[in-house]
């Protein structure tokens, strides 16, 4: 994506995940997408989003989430155990099966992070913008109260 933006003459800086905290003081807003928005306003987002949101909170940088209304879900996070919440992906990209280390190592490749609603500043949906505390109202308009089972 950075290469495509560069070809379009859009100034782009690509940084690694490890440098998020170091560069965050120079950022004025963080705009992210999400896999789903939970009933409490929390996010199920791509792995690494939680550390991004924590860094933004530390430097008082607003976190704006772009999420169409079909990503709002009446599901609640029952506990903060990531194992109950997460899906594990194929570990071949992290640790190749044919490597010597694979025989002696357990590798996990989580796909999602839980981002609590207090780390999100604003949600922008196709129906407008809302605070995280208002998400329960939007879900109430979209779902019947008995729609809490998958």
Foldseek 3Di string as FASTA:
>chain_A
DQVVCVVVVHDDDDDDLVCLLVCLLVDQAAEEEAQAQELQRKTWHFPSVQVNLVSCVVNVHAYEYEYALVRYDDEDDPDQDVVVVWDWDDCCVVPNCPDPVVVVDDDTHTTTHIHHLVSHAWYQYPVGIDRSNCSNVSVVVVDDPPRHDD
